Amino acid sequence: MVDALTLAAIEAAQQDIADKVIETPIHQWSGPAMQEAVGGDGEVILKLELFQHTGTFKARGALLNLLSLSKDQLAKGVTAVSAGNHAIATAFAAQMVGASAKVVMMKSANPFRVAACQAYGAEVVFADDVHQAFELVEQIGKAEGRSFIHPYEGELTALGTATLGLEFARQAPALDALIVPIGGGGLCAGVASAFKLVQPDCKVYGVEPEGADSMTRSFKAGSPQTIDKVRTIADSLGAPYALPYSYALCKANADEIVLVDDAALGRAMGLLFLEMKLAVEPAGAAATAALLGPLRARLQGKRVGIIVCGANIDFATFSSQAIF
């Protein structure tokens, strides 16, 4: 068991990063395809977190973590591991507070994301796969004394994502349901916690790719579980395992997790582009894919919130993955 996040703690975190992050807007989706999906009485409200600094929600948790470090810790720098988005956010946060960042990314990482890390001043080191990446980042931390900024585990990370949840809950009151993408669970841990405090009657659904279903397995097993390999185009949601803190908050506050396949992610990317003019990465389309797929019948006629969590994708990759 872990202690639940409190509204006071989330509001304090929000104040700590208020001058360093963007309060991202919401927008009602009114296109004909979505209206057909949710019915004439349904509403879909998008939380456009892709407009956050660095292109994803990750900047919130990264900043909170770095702001907690001492002067001596900041002088030694930080390290992180990521398919891209958390590495970019850590580089951004390090630049904001005057620290150096050395991040580990997979060799398969999109060059667009690598360049974004380097543009914020980070040194990038490559690993063959996600499991090796976590081993390498641990070695760097020990050898160089750098503080490790975890991509999805820990109270500060959850408080960072909870600021997004609190923001959304107050921008869009009286939601019947909220759909949140899940990778390692850090986003859902904070967002779901905030919603259950501010809108306790709102159902919170997590969504994972079928090829990266560590949290689904964890919910079924009753404890954090590991997957052997990530097999999805949604690399931003490709956590190799669930961990105790984020798992516990997700378990306590998310009502259910559903799965979507890569084809569903591609179709959702295409629809977001056609009707909302948003070119998002697969992770950013996951909540839409869940609404159009496994949650469609249950959420007919409901007022539904969707988190568009990120858009760090280049044109060529988007063109190859989106299905129109």
Foldseek 3Di string as FASTA:
>chain_A
DDDFDDPVLLVVLCVVCVVPKDLFDKDKFDDPVVCVLQDVLEIEIEGLQCPMVLRFLLLQLLLLVVVPDDPVQQALAAEEEALASNLLSNLQNNLVVVGEYEYEHEPPRDVLRVVSNVVSPYHYDYDPARVVRVVVRVVCCVVRVHHYRYRADDDSLLSSLLNSLLSVCVNDPDFQEEEAEAALQRNVLNNLSNCCVRPVNYAYEYEYEPQACQLVVCLVVVHKDADPHRDEQQRRSRDRIHDDHSSVSNNVGHPYYDYDYLLLLQAQQQVCCVRVVDRAGSSLSRRVSCCSPVCRVVNRSGYYYYYSGGRSDDPVVSVVRHDD
